[in-house]
Amino acid sequence: MAERDRPVHRLQAHPQHQHGGGMKSHYQQRGPSTTKVLAVLALLPVGGTLLALSGLTLLCSVIGIAVSTPLLIIFSPVLVPAAIVIGLAVTGILCAEAFGLTGLSSLSWFLNHIRMKARRALPQEVDQAKRRMQDMAG
């Protein structure tokens, strides 16, 4: 009876796959599917076109820098103060807008606060007015 209550441990054997030849045999067994081949063939022209466009963009950027650098050096006594003035003007406009927005939001908060106080105080004032009317009528 003690032998029936004990758990039986069984050993399971799994067949192992032999990989003869390493990666070469793996690719011979499972080659690329047709959809993968078609996807690569379809994406090659797209990738080549994008690579050509990026090279053209790089070439144009280098030419633009080569042409504009002497002009920037020649006109830098004018361009640097102009850039500073434009930067200060933009900063001033952004600060004015920020202060205006802050003022509008503060005014809106203040008006809402006053309205809420008036709504809370209104029933008390109505009750006081009713009492006065009753006192005058009495």
C-alpha atoms as a PDB file:
ATOM      1  CA  MET A   1       0.000   0.000   0.000  1.00  0.00           C
ATOM      2  CA  ALA A   2       2.861   2.365   0.690  1.00  0.00           C
ATOM      3  CA  GLU A   3       4.156   1.695  -2.812  1.00  0.00           C
ATOM      4  CA  ARG A   4       0.857   2.851  -4.371  1.00  0.00           C
ATOM      5  CA  ASP A   5       0.893   6.206  -2.507  1.00  0.00           C
ATOM      6  CA  ARG A   6       4.383   7.158  -3.659  1.00  0.00           C
ATOM      7  CA  PRO A   7       4.555   9.311  -6.838  1.00  0.00           C
ATOM      8  CA  VAL A   8       6.070   7.574  -9.802  1.00  0.00           C
ATOM      9  CA  HIS A   9       8.848   9.491 -11.566  1.00  0.00           C
ATOM     10  CA  ARG A  10       9.125   8.733 -15.241  1.00  0.00           C
ATOM     11  CA  LEU A  11      11.885   9.857 -17.534  1.00  0.00           C
ATOM     12  CA  GLN A  12      10.813  11.191 -20.926  1.00  0.00           C
ATOM     13  CA  ALA A  13      13.184  11.088 -23.824  1.00  0.00           C
ATOM     14  CA  HIS A  14      12.880  13.678 -26.579  1.00  0.00           C
ATOM     15  CA  PRO A  15      14.470  13.041 -29.948  1.00  0.00           C
ATOM     16  CA  GLN A  16      17.263  15.454 -30.726  1.00  0.00           C
ATOM     17  CA  HIS A  17      17.767  16.965 -34.157  1.00  0.00           C
ATOM     18  CA  GLN A  18      21.160  16.481 -35.677  1.00  0.00           C
ATOM     19  CA  HIS A  19      22.568  19.682 -37.214  1.00  0.00           C
ATOM     20  CA  GLY A  20      25.057  18.335 -39.648  1.00  0.00           C
ATOM     21  CA  GLY A  21      26.968  21.111 -41.365  1.00  0.00           C
ATOM     22  CA  GLY A  22      25.901  23.993 -39.121  1.00  0.00           C
ATOM     23  CA  MET A  23      24.240  27.047 -40.687  1.00  0.00           C
ATOM     24  CA  LYS A  24      24.757  25.836 -44.222  1.00  0.00           C
ATOM     25  CA  SER A  25      22.445  22.866 -43.757  1.00  0.00           C
ATOM     26  CA  HIS A  26      19.935  25.076 -41.940  1.00  0.00           C
ATOM     27  CA  TYR A  27      19.632  27.392 -44.934  1.00  0.00           C
ATOM     28  CA  GLN A  28      19.475  24.479 -47.323  1.00  0.00           C
ATOM     29  CA  GLN A  29      16.535  23.086 -45.396  1.00  0.00           C
ATOM     30  CA  ARG A  30      14.675  26.417 -44.997  1.00  0.00           C
ATOM     31  CA  GLY A  31      15.320  28.950 -47.723  1.00  0.00           C
ATOM     32  CA  PRO A  32      13.734  32.395 -47.934  1.00  0.00           C
ATOM     33  CA  SER A  33      10.057  32.351 -48.781  1.00  0.00           C
ATOM     34  CA  THR A  34       8.642  33.811 -51.957  1.00  0.00           C
ATOM     35  CA  THR A  35       7.022  36.708 -50.127  1.00  0.00           C
ATOM     36  CA  LYS A  36      10.352  37.670 -48.549  1.00  0.00           C
ATOM     37  CA  VAL A  37      12.093  37.611 -51.907  1.00  0.00           C
ATOM     38  CA  LEU A  38       9.348  39.750 -53.477  1.00  0.00           C
ATOM     39  CA  ALA A  39       9.495  42.184 -50.546  1.00  0.00           C
ATOM     40  CA  VAL A  40      13.248  42.603 -50.949  1.00  0.00           C
ATOM     41  CA  LEU A  41      12.885  43.081 -54.714  1.00  0.00           C
ATOM     42  CA  ALA A  42      10.171  45.670 -54.183  1.00  0.00           C
ATOM     43  CA  LEU A  43      12.070  47.570 -51.490  1.00  0.00           C
ATOM     44  CA  LEU A  44      15.427  47.712 -53.277  1.00  0.00           C
ATOM     45  CA  PRO A  45      14.373  50.465 -55.740  1.00  0.00           C
ATOM     46  CA  VAL A  46      12.724  52.436 -52.945  1.00  0.00           C
ATOM     47  CA  GLY A  47      15.808  52.179 -50.740  1.00  0.00           C
ATOM     48  CA  GLY A  48      18.114  53.068 -53.630  1.00  0.00           C
ATOM     49  CA  THR A  49      15.999  56.108 -54.514  1.00  0.00           C
ATOM     50  CA  LEU A  50      15.965  57.333 -50.925  1.00  0.00           C
ATOM     51  CA  LEU A  51      19.725  56.821 -50.652  1.00  0.00           C
ATOM     52  CA  ALA A  52      20.256  58.832 -53.859  1.00  0.00           C
ATOM     53  CA  LEU A  53      18.010  61.629 -52.568  1.00  0.00           C
ATOM     54  CA  SER A  54      19.874  61.769 -49.266  1.00  0.00           C
ATOM     55  CA  GLY A  55      23.192  62.001 -51.138  1.00  0.00           C
ATOM     56  CA  LEU A  56      21.806  64.788 -53.325  1.00  0.00           C
ATOM     57  CA  THR A  57      20.580  66.644 -50.243  1.00  0.00           C
ATOM     58  CA  LEU A  58      24.006  66.323 -48.617  1.00  0.00           C
ATOM     59  CA  LEU A  59      25.707  67.601 -51.787  1.00  0.00           C
ATOM     60  CA  CYS A  60      23.378  70.621 -51.987  1.00  0.00           C
ATOM     61  CA  SER A  61      23.951  71.395 -48.299  1.00  0.00           C
ATOM     62  CA  VAL A  62      27.728  71.322 -48.717  1.00  0.00           C
ATOM     63  CA  ILE A  63      27.534  73.570 -51.795  1.00  0.00           C
ATOM     64  CA  GLY A  64      25.208  75.973 -49.942  1.00  0.00           C
ATOM     65  CA  ILE A  65      27.581  76.189 -46.977  1.00  0.00           C
ATOM     66  CA  ALA A  66      30.563  76.715 -49.292  1.00  0.00           C
ATOM     67  CA  VAL A  67      28.787  79.576 -51.078  1.00  0.00           C
ATOM     68  CA  SER A  68      27.248  81.238 -48.021  1.00  0.00           C
ATOM     69  CA  THR A  69      30.248  81.129 -45.673  1.00  0.00           C
ATOM     70  CA  PRO A  70      32.200  83.933 -47.416  1.00  0.00           C
ATOM     71  CA  LEU A  71      29.030  86.019 -47.642  1.00  0.00           C
ATOM     72  CA  LEU A  72      28.339  85.537 -43.936  1.00  0.00           C
ATOM     73  CA  ILE A  73      31.902  86.540 -43.077  1.00  0.00           C
ATOM     74  CA  ILE A  74      31.739  89.659 -45.281  1.00  0.00           C
ATOM     75  CA  PHE A  75      28.326  90.766 -43.992  1.00  0.00           C
ATOM     76  CA  SER A  76      28.779  89.678 -40.353  1.00  0.00           C
ATOM     77  CA  PRO A  77      29.168  93.294 -39.063  1.00  0.00           C
ATOM     78  CA  VAL A  78      25.607  93.895 -40.280  1.00  0.00           C
ATOM     79  CA  LEU A  79      24.101  90.453 -39.729  1.00  0.00           C
ATOM     80  CA  VAL A  80      25.159  89.952 -36.090  1.00  0.00           C
ATOM     81  CA  PRO A  81      23.487  93.136 -34.782  1.00  0.00           C
ATOM     82  CA  ALA A  82      20.447  92.409 -36.975  1.00  0.00           C
ATOM     83  CA  ALA A  83      20.193  88.917 -35.508  1.00  0.00           C
ATOM     84  CA  ILE A  84      20.472  90.332 -31.987  1.00  0.00           C
ATOM     85  CA  VAL A  85      17.738  92.901 -32.683  1.00  0.00           C
ATOM     86  CA  ILE A  86      15.443  90.276 -34.205  1.00  0.00           C
ATOM     87  CA  GLY A  87      16.074  87.927 -31.269  1.00  0.00           C
ATOM     88  CA  LEU A  88      15.280  90.655 -28.746  1.00  0.00           C
ATOM     89  CA  ALA A  89      12.133  91.652 -30.657  1.00  0.00           C
ATOM     90  CA  VAL A  90      10.883  88.064 -30.734  1.00  0.00           C
ATOM     91  CA  THR A  91      11.676  87.669 -27.029  1.00  0.00           C
ATOM     92  CA  GLY A  92       9.773  90.877 -26.246  1.00  0.00           C
ATOM     93  CA  ILE A  93       6.746  89.790 -28.246  1.00  0.00           C
ATOM     94  CA  LEU A  94       6.691  86.377 -26.574  1.00  0.00           C
ATOM     95  CA  CYS A  95       7.000  87.965 -23.118  1.00  0.00           C
ATOM     96  CA  ALA A  96       4.183  90.413 -23.894  1.00  0.00           C
ATOM     97  CA  GLU A  97       1.962  87.546 -25.006  1.00  0.00           C
ATOM     98  CA  ALA A  98       2.819  85.551 -21.888  1.00  0.00           C
ATOM     99  CA  PHE A  99       2.060  88.522 -19.617  1.00  0.00           C
ATOM    100  CA  GLY A 100      -1.209  89.176 -21.479  1.00  0.00           C
ATOM    101  CA  LEU A 101      -2.260  85.548 -21.152  1.00  0.00           C
ATOM    102  CA  THR A 102      -1.377  85.595 -17.464  1.00  0.00           C
ATOM    103  CA  GLY A 103      -3.401  88.774 -16.977  1.00  0.00           C
ATOM    104  CA  LEU A 104      -6.432  87.350 -18.797  1.00  0.00           C
ATOM    105  CA  SER A 105      -6.338  84.117 -16.830  1.00  0.00           C
ATOM    106  CA  SER A 106      -5.979  86.052 -13.550  1.00  0.00           C
ATOM    107  CA  LEU A 107      -8.920  88.283 -14.466  1.00  0.00           C
ATOM    108  CA  SER A 108     -11.000  85.235 -15.413  1.00  0.00           C
ATOM    109  CA  TRP A 109     -10.154  83.537 -12.115  1.00  0.00           C
ATOM    110  CA  PHE A 110     -11.037  86.711 -10.181  1.00  0.00           C
ATOM    111  CA  LEU A 111     -14.405  87.095 -11.919  1.00  0.00           C
ATOM    112  CA  ASN A 112     -15.257  83.413 -11.342  1.00  0.00           C
ATOM    113  CA  HIS A 113     -14.269  83.789  -7.694  1.00  0.00           C
ATOM    114  CA  ILE A 114     -16.553  86.802  -7.274  1.00  0.00           C
ATOM    115  CA  ARG A 115     -19.442  85.002  -9.005  1.00  0.00           C
ATOM    116  CA  MET A 116     -19.034  81.972  -6.723  1.00  0.00           C
ATOM    117  CA  LYS A 117     -19.046  84.209  -3.662  1.00  0.00           C
ATOM    118  CA  ALA A 118     -22.165  85.979  -4.928  1.00  0.00           C
ATOM    119  CA  ARG A 119     -23.932  82.649  -5.467  1.00  0.00           C
ATOM    120  CA  ARG A 120     -23.062  81.526  -1.945  1.00  0.00           C
ATOM    121  CA  ALA A 121     -24.096  84.830  -0.391  1.00  0.00           C
ATOM    122  CA  LEU A 122     -27.311  85.201  -2.435  1.00  0.00           C
ATOM    123  CA  PRO A 123     -29.474  82.745  -0.429  1.00  0.00           C
ATOM    124  CA  GLN A 124     -28.456  84.436   2.826  1.00  0.00           C
ATOM    125  CA  GLU A 125     -29.358  87.867   1.446  1.00  0.00           C
ATOM    126  CA  VAL A 126     -32.694  86.539   0.148  1.00  0.00           C
ATOM    127  CA  ASP A 127     -33.473  85.121   3.599  1.00  0.00           C
ATOM    128  CA  GLN A 128     -32.592  88.458   5.230  1.00  0.00           C
ATOM    129  CA  ALA A 129     -34.792  90.330   2.750  1.00  0.00           C
ATOM    130  CA  LYS A 130     -37.711  87.953   3.501  1.00  0.00           C
ATOM    131  CA  ARG A 131     -37.287  88.544   7.242  1.00  0.00           C
ATOM    132  CA  ARG A 132     -37.297  92.331   6.738  1.00  0.00           C
ATOM    133  CA  MET A 133     -40.440  92.108   4.625  1.00  0.00           C
ATOM    134  CA  GLN A 134     -42.131  89.973   7.301  1.00  0.00           C
ATOM    135  CA  ASP A 135     -41.047  92.430  10.018  1.00  0.00           C
ATOM    136  CA  MET A 136     -42.418  95.356   8.016  1.00  0.00           C
ATOM    137  CA  ALA A 137     -45.655  93.547   7.303  1.00  0.00           C
ATOM    138  CA  GLY A 138     -46.009  92.538  10.955  1.00  0.00           C
END
